[in-house]
PDB file of N, CA and C in Angstrom:
ATOM      1  N   MET A   1       0.842  -1.178   0.000  1.00  0.00           N
ATOM      2  CA  MET A   1       0.000   0.000   0.000  1.00  0.00           C
ATOM      3  C   MET A   1       0.891   1.247   0.000  1.00  0.00           C
ATOM      4  N   LYS A   2       0.395   2.254  -0.679  1.00  0.00           N
ATOM      5  CA  LYS A   2       1.124   3.517  -0.808  1.00  0.00           C
ATOM      6  C   LYS A   2       0.212   4.660  -0.409  1.00  0.00           C
ATOM      7  N   ASN A   3       0.817   5.793  -0.111  1.00  0.00           N
ATOM      8  CA  ASN A   3       0.049   7.006   0.163  1.00  0.00           C
ATOM      9  C   ASN A   3      -0.142   7.785  -1.130  1.00  0.00           C
ATOM     10  N   PHE A   4      -1.369   8.235  -1.334  1.00  0.00           N
ATOM     11  CA  PHE A   4      -1.726   9.049  -2.485  1.00  0.00           C
ATOM     12  C   PHE A   4      -2.496  10.268  -1.989  1.00  0.00           C
ATOM     13  N   VAL A   5      -2.364  11.364  -2.725  1.00  0.00           N
ATOM     14  CA  VAL A   5      -3.265  12.485  -2.522  1.00  0.00           C
ATOM     15  C   VAL A   5      -4.354  12.322  -3.578  1.00  0.00           C
ATOM     16  N   LYS A   6      -5.594  12.277  -3.118  1.00  0.00           N
ATOM     17  CA  LYS A   6      -6.754  12.119  -3.998  1.00  0.00           C
ATOM     18  C   LYS A   6      -7.384  13.491  -4.196  1.00  0.00           C
ATOM     19  N   VAL A   7      -7.499  13.909  -5.446  1.00  0.00           N
ATOM     20  CA  VAL A   7      -8.075  15.201  -5.798  1.00  0.00           C
ATOM     21  C   VAL A   7      -9.316  14.945  -6.634  1.00  0.00           C
ATOM     22  N   GLU A   8     -10.463  15.385  -6.130  1.00  0.00           N
ATOM     23  CA  GLU A   8     -11.728  15.187  -6.840  1.00  0.00           C
ATOM     24  C   GLU A   8     -12.194  16.511  -7.430  1.00  0.00           C
ATOM     25  N   LEU A   9     -12.357  16.514  -8.752  1.00  0.00           N
ATOM     26  CA  LEU A   9     -12.843  17.693  -9.453  1.00  0.00           C
ATOM     27  C   LEU A   9     -14.261  17.454  -9.937  1.00  0.00           C
ATOM     28  N   GLY A  10     -15.112  18.431  -9.720  1.00  0.00           N
ATOM     29  CA  GLY A  10     -16.495  18.340 -10.159  1.00  0.00           C
ATOM     30  C   GLY A  10     -16.705  19.125 -11.433  1.00  0.00           C
ATOM     31  N   SER A  11     -17.932  19.558 -11.630  1.00  0.00           N
ATOM     32  CA  SER A  11     -18.260  20.289 -12.845  1.00  0.00           C
ATOM     33  C   SER A  11     -17.455  21.580 -12.936  1.00  0.00           C
ATOM     34  N   ARG A  12     -17.083  21.902 -14.147  1.00  0.00           N
ATOM     35  CA  ARG A  12     -16.297  23.095 -14.461  1.00  0.00           C
ATOM     36  C   ARG A  12     -14.945  23.125 -13.766  1.00  0.00           C
ATOM     37  N   GLY A  13     -14.433  21.961 -13.405  1.00  0.00           N
ATOM     38  CA  GLY A  13     -13.117  21.877 -12.798  1.00  0.00           C
ATOM     39  C   GLY A  13     -13.042  22.344 -11.361  1.00  0.00           C
ATOM     40  N   GLU A  14     -14.187  22.505 -10.726  1.00  0.00           N
ATOM     41  CA  GLU A  14     -14.227  22.939  -9.327  1.00  0.00           C
ATOM     42  C   GLU A  14     -13.678  21.831  -8.423  1.00  0.00           C
ATOM     43  N   VAL A  15     -12.723  22.178  -7.572  1.00  0.00           N
ATOM     44  CA  VAL A  15     -12.145  21.200  -6.655  1.00  0.00           C
ATOM     45  C   VAL A  15     -13.155  20.916  -5.554  1.00  0.00           C
ATOM     46  N   GLU A  16     -13.543  19.651  -5.437  1.00  0.00           N
ATOM     47  CA  GLU A  16     -14.526  19.253  -4.431  1.00  0.00           C
ATOM     48  C   GLU A  16     -13.874  18.693  -3.176  1.00  0.00           C
ATOM     49  N   ASN A  17     -12.716  18.043  -3.333  1.00  0.00           N
ATOM     50  CA  ASN A  17     -12.078  17.441  -2.173  1.00  0.00           C
ATOM     51  C   ASN A  17     -10.618  17.131  -2.485  1.00  0.00           C
ATOM     52  N   VAL A  18      -9.776  17.262  -1.469  1.00  0.00           N
ATOM     53  CA  VAL A  18      -8.372  16.869  -1.530  1.00  0.00           C
ATOM     54  C   VAL A  18      -8.089  16.151  -0.223  1.00  0.00           C
ATOM     55  N   LYS A  19      -7.595  14.919  -0.312  1.00  0.00           N
ATOM     56  CA  LYS A  19      -7.304  14.193   0.925  1.00  0.00           C
ATOM     57  C   LYS A  19      -6.216  13.159   0.689  1.00  0.00           C
ATOM     58  N   LEU A  20      -5.584  12.775   1.784  1.00  0.00           N
ATOM     59  CA  LEU A  20      -4.562  11.748   1.762  1.00  0.00           C
ATOM     60  C   LEU A  20      -5.245  10.396   1.945  1.00  0.00           C
ATOM     61  N   VAL A  21      -4.934   9.448   1.051  1.00  0.00           N
ATOM     62  CA  VAL A  21      -5.517   8.111   1.135  1.00  0.00           C
ATOM     63  C   VAL A  21      -4.411   7.066   1.008  1.00  0.00           C
ATOM     64  N   GLU A  22      -4.669   5.910   1.561  1.00  0.00           N
ATOM     65  CA  GLU A  22      -3.767   4.778   1.413  1.00  0.00           C
ATOM     66  C   GLU A  22      -4.411   3.816   0.431  1.00  0.00           C
ATOM     67  N   SER A  23      -3.687   3.480  -0.640  1.00  0.00           N
ATOM     68  CA  SER A  23      -4.255   2.625  -1.673  1.00  0.00           C
ATOM     69  C   SER A  23      -3.125   2.003  -2.482  1.00  0.00           C
ATOM     70  N   SER A  24      -3.497   1.434  -3.616  1.00  0.00           N
ATOM     71  CA  SER A  24      -2.535   0.875  -4.566  1.00  0.00           C
ATOM     72  C   SER A  24      -3.086   1.131  -5.963  1.00  0.00           C
ATOM     73  N   TYR A  25      -2.233   0.984  -6.960  1.00  0.00           N
ATOM     74  CA  TYR A  25      -2.695   1.189  -8.335  1.00  0.00           C
ATOM     75  C   TYR A  25      -3.801   0.197  -8.683  1.00  0.00           C
ATOM     76  N   GLU A  26      -3.691  -1.011  -8.184  1.00  0.00           N
ATOM     77  CA  GLU A  26      -4.692  -2.032  -8.460  1.00  0.00           C
ATOM     78  C   GLU A  26      -6.035  -1.681  -7.817  1.00  0.00           C
ATOM     79  N   LEU A  27      -5.998  -1.198  -6.565  1.00  0.00           N
ATOM     80  CA  LEU A  27      -7.242  -0.822  -5.886  1.00  0.00           C
ATOM     81  C   LEU A  27      -7.896   0.396  -6.515  1.00  0.00           C
ATOM     82  N   ILE A  28      -7.089   1.329  -6.996  1.00  0.00           N
ATOM     83  CA  ILE A  28      -7.641   2.505  -7.672  1.00  0.00           C
ATOM     84  C   ILE A  28      -8.341   2.077  -8.956  1.00  0.00           C
ATOM     85  N   GLU A  29      -7.707   1.178  -9.702  1.00  0.00           N
ATOM     86  CA  GLU A  29      -8.322   0.672 -10.928  1.00  0.00           C
ATOM     87  C   GLU A  29      -9.616  -0.076 -10.618  1.00  0.00           C
ATOM     88  N   LYS A  30      -9.621  -0.823  -9.535  1.00  0.00           N
ATOM     89  CA  LYS A  30     -10.828  -1.542  -9.116  1.00  0.00           C
ATOM     90  C   LYS A  30     -11.940  -0.559  -8.729  1.00  0.00           C
ATOM     91  N   GLU A  31     -11.571   0.513  -8.006  1.00  0.00           N
ATOM     92  CA  GLU A  31     -12.551   1.545  -7.636  1.00  0.00           C
ATOM     93  C   GLU A  31     -13.200   2.146  -8.881  1.00  0.00           C
ATOM     94  N   PHE A  32     -12.370   2.447  -9.891  1.00  0.00           N
ATOM     95  CA  PHE A  32     -12.886   2.987 -11.146  1.00  0.00           C
ATOM     96  C   PHE A  32     -13.860   2.006 -11.794  1.00  0.00           C
ATOM     97  N   SER A  33     -13.466   0.748 -11.900  1.00  0.00           N
ATOM     98  CA  SER A  33     -14.301  -0.261 -12.562  1.00  0.00           C
ATOM     99  C   SER A  33     -15.637  -0.449 -11.849  1.00  0.00           C
ATOM    100  N   GLU A  34     -15.596  -0.496 -10.521  1.00  0.00           N
ATOM    101  CA  GLU A  34     -16.830  -0.665  -9.753  1.00  0.00           C
ATOM    102  C   GLU A  34     -17.754   0.535  -9.907  1.00  0.00           C
ATOM    103  N   LYS A  35     -17.169   1.720  -9.895  1.00  0.00           N
ATOM    104  CA  LYS A  35     -17.971   2.934 -10.058  1.00  0.00           C
ATOM    105  C   LYS A  35     -18.587   2.985 -11.455  1.00  0.00           C
ATOM    106  N   LEU A  36     -17.809   2.615 -12.455  1.00  0.00           N
ATOM    107  CA  LEU A  36     -18.304   2.604 -13.832  1.00  0.00           C
ATOM    108  C   LEU A  36     -19.455   1.618 -13.982  1.00  0.00           C
ATOM    109  N   GLU A  37     -19.311   0.422 -13.441  1.00  0.00           N
ATOM    110  CA  GLU A  37     -20.384  -0.580 -13.517  1.00  0.00           C
ATOM    111  C   GLU A  37     -21.641  -0.097 -12.797  1.00  0.00           C
ATOM    112  N   SER A  38     -21.460   0.547 -11.665  1.00  0.00           N
ATOM    113  CA  SER A  38     -22.586   1.083 -10.911  1.00  0.00           C
ATOM    114  C   SER A  38     -23.326   2.152 -11.717  1.00  0.00           C
ATOM    115  N   LEU A  39     -22.581   3.018 -12.361  1.00  0.00           N
ATOM    116  CA  LEU A  39     -23.194   4.068 -13.182  1.00  0.00           C
ATOM    117  C   LEU A  39     -23.933   3.476 -14.381  1.00  0.00           C
ATOM    118  N   LYS A  40     -23.373   2.436 -14.975  1.00  0.00           N
ATOM    119  CA  LYS A  40     -23.994   1.805 -16.143  1.00  0.00           C
ATOM    120  C   LYS A  40     -25.357   1.200 -15.809  1.00  0.00           C
ATOM    121  N   GLU A  41     -25.522   0.724 -14.589  1.00  0.00           N
ATOM    122  CA  GLU A  41     -26.789   0.109 -14.177  1.00  0.00           C
ATOM    123  C   GLU A  41     -27.954   1.090 -14.227  1.00  0.00           C
ATOM    124  N   ASP A  42     -27.673   2.369 -14.030  1.00  0.00           N
ATOM    125  CA  ASP A  42     -28.721   3.378 -13.944  1.00  0.00           C
ATOM    126  C   ASP A  42     -28.902   4.182 -15.232  1.00  0.00           C
ATOM    127  N   GLU A  43     -28.224   3.795 -16.299  1.00  0.00           N
ATOM    128  CA  GLU A  43     -28.250   4.597 -17.521  1.00  0.00           C
ATOM    129  C   GLU A  43     -29.121   3.982 -18.614  1.00  0.00           C
ATOM    130  N   ASP A  44     -29.666   4.864 -19.438  1.00  0.00           N
ATOM    131  CA  ASP A  44     -30.368   4.426 -20.642  1.00  0.00           C
ATOM    132  C   ASP A  44     -29.342   4.309 -21.774  1.00  0.00           C
ATOM    133  N   GLU A  45     -29.800   4.085 -22.986  1.00  0.00           N
ATOM    134  CA  GLU A  45     -28.901   3.884 -24.125  1.00  0.00           C
ATOM    135  C   GLU A  45     -27.976   5.081 -24.357  1.00  0.00           C
ATOM    136  N   ASP A  46     -28.527   6.305 -24.305  1.00  0.00           N
ATOM    137  CA  ASP A  46     -27.712   7.504 -24.509  1.00  0.00           C
ATOM    138  C   ASP A  46     -26.684   7.656 -23.397  1.00  0.00           C
ATOM    139  N   GLY A  47     -27.097   7.383 -22.170  1.00  0.00           N
ATOM    140  CA  GLY A  47     -26.185   7.463 -21.036  1.00  0.00           C
ATOM    141  C   GLY A  47     -25.053   6.465 -21.143  1.00  0.00           C
ATOM    142  N   LEU A  48     -25.365   5.274 -21.622  1.00  0.00           N
ATOM    143  CA  LEU A  48     -24.337   4.251 -21.809  1.00  0.00           C
ATOM    144  C   LEU A  48     -23.338   4.676 -22.878  1.00  0.00           C
ATOM    145  N   ASP A  49     -23.848   5.268 -23.959  1.00  0.00           N
ATOM    146  CA  ASP A  49     -22.958   5.773 -25.009  1.00  0.00           C
ATOM    147  C   ASP A  49     -22.032   6.848 -24.459  1.00  0.00           C
ATOM    148  N   TYR A  50     -22.586   7.735 -23.628  1.00  0.00           N
ATOM    149  CA  TYR A  50     -21.813   8.814 -23.016  1.00  0.00           C
ATOM    150  C   TYR A  50     -20.710   8.239 -22.114  1.00  0.00           C
ATOM    151  N   LEU A  51     -21.065   7.250 -21.287  1.00  0.00           N
ATOM    152  CA  LEU A  51     -20.073   6.628 -20.414  1.00  0.00           C
ATOM    153  C   LEU A  51     -18.982   5.920 -21.214  1.00  0.00           C
ATOM    154  N   GLU A  52     -19.385   5.291 -22.312  1.00  0.00           N
ATOM    155  CA  GLU A  52     -18.400   4.621 -23.160  1.00  0.00           C
ATOM    156  C   GLU A  52     -17.414   5.624 -23.745  1.00  0.00           C
ATOM    157  N   GLU A  53     -17.920   6.816 -24.084  1.00  0.00           N
ATOM    158  CA  GLU A  53     -17.071   7.838 -24.695  1.00  0.00           C
ATOM    159  C   GLU A  53     -16.160   8.513 -23.671  1.00  0.00           C
ATOM    160  N   PHE A  54     -16.694   8.825 -22.491  1.00  0.00           N
ATOM    161  CA  PHE A  54     -15.944   9.648 -21.548  1.00  0.00           C
ATOM    162  C   PHE A  54     -15.450   8.914 -20.304  1.00  0.00           C
ATOM    163  N   GLY A  55     -15.917   7.729 -20.040  1.00  0.00           N
ATOM    164  CA  GLY A  55     -15.441   6.969 -18.890  1.00  0.00           C
ATOM    165  C   GLY A  55     -14.086   6.361 -19.196  1.00  0.00           C
ATOM    166  N   SER A  56     -13.064   6.851 -18.508  1.00  0.00           N
ATOM    167  CA  SER A  56     -11.725   6.350 -18.815  1.00  0.00           C
ATOM    168  C   SER A  56     -10.831   6.441 -17.585  1.00  0.00           C
ATOM    169  N   ILE A  57      -9.754   5.672 -17.633  1.00  0.00           N
ATOM    170  CA  ILE A  57      -8.740   5.711 -16.583  1.00  0.00           C
ATOM    171  C   ILE A  57      -7.379   5.677 -17.255  1.00  0.00           C
ATOM    172  N   GLU A  58      -6.470   6.504 -16.739  1.00  0.00           N
ATOM    173  CA  GLU A  58      -5.090   6.517 -17.215  1.00  0.00           C
ATOM    174  C   GLU A  58      -4.187   6.336 -16.003  1.00  0.00           C
ATOM    175  N   ILE A  59      -3.329   5.337 -16.060  1.00  0.00           N
ATOM    176  CA  ILE A  59      -2.419   5.032 -14.965  1.00  0.00           C
ATOM    177  C   ILE A  59      -0.988   5.178 -15.464  1.00  0.00           C
ATOM    178  N   ASP A  60      -0.214   6.024 -14.770  1.00  0.00           N
ATOM    179  CA  ASP A  60       1.195   6.191 -15.088  1.00  0.00           C
ATOM    180  C   ASP A  60       1.984   5.951 -13.800  1.00  0.00           C
ATOM    181  N   GLU A  61       2.343   4.697 -13.573  1.00  0.00           N
ATOM    182  CA  GLU A  61       3.054   4.342 -12.343  1.00  0.00           C
ATOM    183  C   GLU A  61       4.433   4.984 -12.282  1.00  0.00           C
ATOM    184  N   GLU A  62       5.045   5.192 -13.439  1.00  0.00           N
ATOM    185  CA  GLU A  62       6.366   5.811 -13.465  1.00  0.00           C
ATOM    186  C   GLU A  62       6.323   7.233 -12.904  1.00  0.00           C
ATOM    187  N   LYS A  63       5.310   7.995 -13.285  1.00  0.00           N
ATOM    188  CA  LYS A  63       5.144   9.364 -12.775  1.00  0.00           C
ATOM    189  C   LYS A  63       4.411   9.386 -11.436  1.00  0.00           C
ATOM    190  N   GLY A  64       3.756   8.290 -11.095  1.00  0.00           N
ATOM    191  CA  GLY A  64       3.013   8.229  -9.848  1.00  0.00           C
ATOM    192  C   GLY A  64       1.687   8.956  -9.928  1.00  0.00           C
ATOM    193  N   GLU A  65       1.004   8.845 -11.067  1.00  0.00           N
ATOM    194  CA  GLU A  65      -0.257   9.550 -11.264  1.00  0.00           C
ATOM    195  C   GLU A  65      -1.316   8.645 -11.887  1.00  0.00           C
ATOM    196  N   VAL A  66      -2.544   8.818 -11.409  1.00  0.00           N
ATOM    197  CA  VAL A  66      -3.699   8.129 -11.974  1.00  0.00           C
ATOM    198  C   VAL A  66      -4.787   9.174 -12.130  1.00  0.00           C
ATOM    199  N   VAL A  67      -5.499   9.124 -13.250  1.00  0.00           N
ATOM    200  CA  VAL A  67      -6.651  10.005 -13.435  1.00  0.00           C
ATOM    201  C   VAL A  67      -7.786   9.170 -14.012  1.00  0.00           C
ATOM    202  N   PHE A  68      -8.978   9.364 -13.432  1.00  0.00           N
ATOM    203  CA  PHE A  68     -10.141   8.735 -14.042  1.00  0.00           C
ATOM    204  C   PHE A  68     -11.324   9.683 -13.998  1.00  0.00           C
ATOM    205  N   GLY A  69     -12.224   9.467 -14.932  1.00  0.00           N
ATOM    206  CA  GLY A  69     -13.406  10.313 -15.012  1.00  0.00           C
ATOM    207  C   GLY A  69     -14.529   9.603 -15.732  1.00  0.00           C
ATOM    208  N   PHE A  70     -15.719  10.181 -15.586  1.00  0.00           N
ATOM    209  CA  PHE A  70     -16.914   9.594 -16.174  1.00  0.00           C
ATOM    210  C   PHE A  70     -17.687  10.586 -17.031  1.00  0.00           C
ATOM    211  N   SER A  71     -17.164  11.788 -17.182  1.00  0.00           N
ATOM    212  CA  SER A  71     -17.822  12.801 -18.015  1.00  0.00           C
ATOM    213  C   SER A  71     -16.760  13.740 -18.561  1.00  0.00           C
ATOM    214  N   GLU A  72     -17.216  14.713 -19.339  1.00  0.00           N
ATOM    215  CA  GLU A  72     -16.292  15.699 -19.890  1.00  0.00           C
ATOM    216  C   GLU A  72     -15.737  16.616 -18.813  1.00  0.00           C
ATOM    217  N   GLU A  73     -16.459  16.767 -17.716  1.00  0.00           N
ATOM    218  CA  GLU A  73     -16.110  17.791 -16.737  1.00  0.00           C
ATOM    219  C   GLU A  73     -15.469  17.271 -15.464  1.00  0.00           C
ATOM    220  N   ASP A  74     -15.946  16.169 -14.923  1.00  0.00           N
ATOM    221  CA  ASP A  74     -15.410  15.743 -13.630  1.00  0.00           C
ATOM    222  C   ASP A  74     -14.317  14.698 -13.799  1.00  0.00           C
ATOM    223  N   CYS A  75     -13.404  14.672 -12.837  1.00  0.00           N
ATOM    224  CA  CYS A  75     -12.362  13.654 -12.845  1.00  0.00           C
ATOM    225  C   CYS A  75     -11.778  13.538 -11.444  1.00  0.00           C
ATOM    226  N   THR A  76     -11.082  12.447 -11.223  1.00  0.00           N
ATOM    227  CA  THR A  76     -10.425  12.186  -9.952  1.00  0.00           C
ATOM    228  C   THR A  76      -8.971  11.860 -10.233  1.00  0.00           C
ATOM    229  N   PHE A  77      -8.079  12.537  -9.516  1.00  0.00           N
ATOM    230  CA  PHE A  77      -6.643  12.306  -9.632  1.00  0.00           C
ATOM    231  C   PHE A  77      -6.136  11.641  -8.366  1.00  0.00           C
ATOM    232  N   PHE A  78      -5.216  10.719  -8.530  1.00  0.00           N
ATOM    233  CA  PHE A  78      -4.469  10.135  -7.425  1.00  0.00           C
ATOM    234  C   PHE A  78      -3.004  10.415  -7.723  1.00  0.00           C
ATOM    235  N   VAL A  79      -2.316  11.043  -6.783  1.00  0.00           N
ATOM    236  CA  VAL A  79      -0.915  11.389  -6.966  1.00  0.00           C
ATOM    237  C   VAL A  79      -0.110  10.685  -5.868  1.00  0.00           C
ATOM    238  N   GLU A  80       0.812   9.833  -6.283  1.00  0.00           N
ATOM    239  CA  GLU A  80       1.611   9.077  -5.316  1.00  0.00           C
ATOM    240  C   GLU A  80       2.552  10.025  -4.571  1.00  0.00           C
ATOM    241  N   VAL A  81       2.445  10.008  -3.260  1.00  0.00           N
ATOM    242  CA  VAL A  81       3.207  10.941  -2.421  1.00  0.00           C
ATOM    243  C   VAL A  81       4.716  10.718  -2.570  1.00  0.00           C
ATOM    244  N   GLU A  82       5.154   9.473  -2.542  1.00  0.00           N
ATOM    245  CA  GLU A  82       6.584   9.183  -2.597  1.00  0.00           C
ATOM    246  C   GLU A  82       7.247   9.740  -3.853  1.00  0.00           C
ATOM    247  N   LYS A  83       6.541   9.729  -4.970  1.00  0.00           N
ATOM    248  CA  LYS A  83       7.114  10.194  -6.237  1.00  0.00           C
ATOM    249  C   LYS A  83       6.838  11.667  -6.506  1.00  0.00           C
ATOM    250  N   ASN A  84       5.945  12.283  -5.735  1.00  0.00           N
ATOM    251  CA  ASN A  84       5.535  13.672  -5.975  1.00  0.00           C
ATOM    252  C   ASN A  84       5.375  14.421  -4.651  1.00  0.00           C
ATOM    253  N   LYS A  85       6.387  14.322  -3.808  1.00  0.00           N
ATOM    254  CA  LYS A  85       6.306  14.836  -2.445  1.00  0.00           C
ATOM    255  C   LYS A  85       5.956  16.320  -2.391  1.00  0.00           C
ATOM    256  N   GLU A  86       6.664  17.141  -3.141  1.00  0.00           N
ATOM    257  CA  GLU A  86       6.441  18.591  -3.101  1.00  0.00           C
ATOM    258  C   GLU A  86       5.033  18.956  -3.577  1.00  0.00           C
ATOM    259  N   LEU A  87       4.596  18.357  -4.674  1.00  0.00           N
ATOM    260  CA  LEU A  87       3.257  18.600  -5.204  1.00  0.00           C
ATOM    261  C   LEU A  87       2.200  18.197  -4.183  1.00  0.00           C
ATOM    262  N   CYS A  88       2.338  17.011  -3.623  1.00  0.00           N
ATOM    263  CA  CYS A  88       1.355  16.504  -2.662  1.00  0.00           C
ATOM    264  C   CYS A  88       1.303  17.362  -1.402  1.00  0.00           C
ATOM    265  N   GLU A  89       2.467  17.745  -0.884  1.00  0.00           N
ATOM    266  CA  GLU A  89       2.496  18.604   0.296  1.00  0.00           C
ATOM    267  C   GLU A  89       1.799  19.927   0.024  1.00  0.00           C
ATOM    268  N   GLY A  90       2.041  20.503  -1.153  1.00  0.00           N
ATOM    269  CA  GLY A  90       1.409  21.772  -1.507  1.00  0.00           C
ATOM    270  C   GLY A  90      -0.100  21.645  -1.619  1.00  0.00           C
ATOM    271  N   LEU A  91      -0.570  20.601  -2.286  1.00  0.00           N
ATOM    272  CA  LEU A  91      -2.014  20.396  -2.437  1.00  0.00           C
ATOM    273  C   LEU A  91      -2.699  20.267  -1.086  1.00  0.00           C
ATOM    274  N   LEU A  92      -2.129  19.437  -0.215  1.00  0.00           N
ATOM    275  CA  LEU A  92      -2.728  19.225   1.106  1.00  0.00           C
ATOM    276  C   LEU A  92      -2.676  20.495   1.955  1.00  0.00           C
ATOM    277  N   LYS A  93      -1.558  21.198   1.905  1.00  0.00           N
ATOM    278  CA  LYS A  93      -1.389  22.412   2.708  1.00  0.00           C
ATOM    279  C   LYS A  93      -2.423  23.468   2.315  1.00  0.00           C
ATOM    280  N   TYR A  94      -2.500  23.762   1.037  1.00  0.00           N
ATOM    281  CA  TYR A  94      -3.444  24.797   0.589  1.00  0.00           C
ATOM    282  C   TYR A  94      -4.885  24.398   0.876  1.00  0.00           C
ATOM    283  N   TRP A  95      -5.207  23.121   0.665  1.00  0.00           N
ATOM    284  CA  TRP A  95      -6.579  22.660   0.901  1.00  0.00           C
ATOM    285  C   TRP A  95      -6.941  22.771   2.380  1.00  0.00           C
ATOM    286  N   GLU A  96      -6.050  22.292   3.237  1.00  0.00           N
ATOM    287  CA  GLU A  96      -6.321  22.310   4.671  1.00  0.00           C
ATOM    288  C   GLU A  96      -6.407  23.723   5.230  1.00  0.00           C
ATOM    289  N   GLU A  97      -5.633  24.640   4.653  1.00  0.00           N
ATOM    290  CA  GLU A  97      -5.659  26.030   5.109  1.00  0.00           C
ATOM    291  C   GLU A  97      -6.751  26.836   4.408  1.00  0.00           C
ATOM    292  N   ASP A  98      -7.495  26.185   3.510  1.00  0.00           N
ATOM    293  CA  ASP A  98      -8.538  26.845   2.723  1.00  0.00           C
ATOM    294  C   ASP A  98      -7.981  28.065   1.988  1.00  0.00           C
ATOM    295  N   ASP A  99      -6.763  27.886   1.473  1.00  0.00           N
ATOM    296  CA  ASP A  99      -6.043  28.938   0.761  1.00  0.00           C
ATOM    297  C   ASP A  99      -6.047  28.577  -0.731  1.00  0.00           C
ATOM    298  N   LEU A 100      -7.204  28.707  -1.334  1.00  0.00           N
ATOM    299  CA  LEU A 100      -7.391  28.229  -2.708  1.00  0.00           C
ATOM    300  C   LEU A 100      -7.207  29.367  -3.705  1.00  0.00           C
ATOM    301  N   ASP A 101      -6.020  29.942  -3.694  1.00  0.00           N
ATOM    302  CA  ASP A 101      -5.725  31.042  -4.602  1.00  0.00           C
ATOM    303  C   ASP A 101      -5.010  30.515  -5.844  1.00  0.00           C
ATOM    304  N   GLY A 102      -4.320  31.393  -6.517  1.00  0.00           N
ATOM    305  CA  GLY A 102      -3.646  31.046  -7.761  1.00  0.00           C
ATOM    306  C   GLY A 102      -2.628  29.926  -7.621  1.00  0.00           C
ATOM    307  N   GLU A 103      -1.861  29.921  -6.522  1.00  0.00           N
ATOM    308  CA  GLU A 103      -0.839  28.892  -6.352  1.00  0.00           C
ATOM    309  C   GLU A 103      -1.459  27.498  -6.245  1.00  0.00           C
ATOM    310  N   PHE A 104      -2.578  27.394  -5.540  1.00  0.00           N
ATOM    311  CA  PHE A 104      -3.266  26.108  -5.423  1.00  0.00           C
ATOM    312  C   PHE A 104      -3.700  25.629  -6.807  1.00  0.00           C
ATOM    313  N   TYR A 105      -4.306  26.525  -7.590  1.00  0.00           N
ATOM    314  CA  TYR A 105      -4.787  26.119  -8.904  1.00  0.00           C
ATOM    315  C   TYR A 105      -3.656  25.888  -9.897  1.00  0.00           C
ATOM    316  N   GLU A 106      -2.494  26.483  -9.662  1.00  0.00           N
ATOM    317  CA  GLU A 106      -1.324  26.156 -10.490  1.00  0.00           C
ATOM    318  C   GLU A 106      -0.918  24.700 -10.242  1.00  0.00           C
ATOM    319  N   LEU A 107      -0.966  24.284  -8.973  1.00  0.00           N
ATOM    320  CA  LEU A 107      -0.651  22.887  -8.652  1.00  0.00           C
ATOM    321  C   LEU A 107      -1.688  21.950  -9.284  1.00  0.00           C
ATOM    322  N   ILE A 108      -2.963  22.317  -9.188  1.00  0.00           N
ATOM    323  CA  ILE A 108      -4.018  21.510  -9.807  1.00  0.00           C
ATOM    324  C   ILE A 108      -3.791  21.439 -11.319  1.00  0.00           C
ATOM    325  N   GLY A 109      -3.441  22.553 -11.922  1.00  0.00           N
ATOM    326  CA  GLY A 109      -3.185  22.599 -13.362  1.00  0.00           C
ATOM    327  C   GLY A 109      -2.023  21.718 -13.784  1.00  0.00           C
ATOM    328  N   SER A 110      -1.053  21.546 -12.898  1.00  0.00           N
ATOM    329  CA  SER A 110       0.091  20.710 -13.228  1.00  0.00           C
ATOM    330  C   SER A 110      -0.304  19.238 -13.363  1.00  0.00           C
ATOM    331  N   LEU A 111      -1.508  18.887 -12.871  1.00  0.00           N
ATOM    332  CA  LEU A 111      -2.002  17.520 -12.998  1.00  0.00           C
ATOM    333  C   LEU A 111      -2.608  17.251 -14.371  1.00  0.00           C
ATOM    334  N   GLY A 112      -2.760  18.291 -15.168  1.00  0.00           N
ATOM    335  CA  GLY A 112      -3.331  18.117 -16.495  1.00  0.00           C
ATOM    336  C   GLY A 112      -4.787  18.464 -16.587  1.00  0.00           C
ATOM    337  N   CYS A 113      -5.286  19.168 -15.608  1.00  0.00           N
ATOM    338  CA  CYS A 113      -6.707  19.560 -15.596  1.00  0.00           C
ATOM    339  C   CYS A 113      -6.930  20.714 -16.556  1.00  0.00           C
TER     340      CYS A 113
END
């Protein structure tokens, strides 16, 4: 198990949550798959097409980053602390201090948002 900073973005890229979690690349992939299957159960044909188009996961273990999403707007990032110590410390610090100014969003932007 490894430590990750989990960053959840909602509609229009609004940061909904930043927290430290203990997980693994395999468990993150499993979380994505379970969430995707759950969403598919409640969708009609158009919704299923939408999920097929926008539901995706990208795992880069070398960089220590995972991103998954289910729409054009929302996504969830997992950043491995050991490989991205400075980035993770900054994200957690700004979030915990509720200091969501330009520097915080520069860090979020570095994730590819």
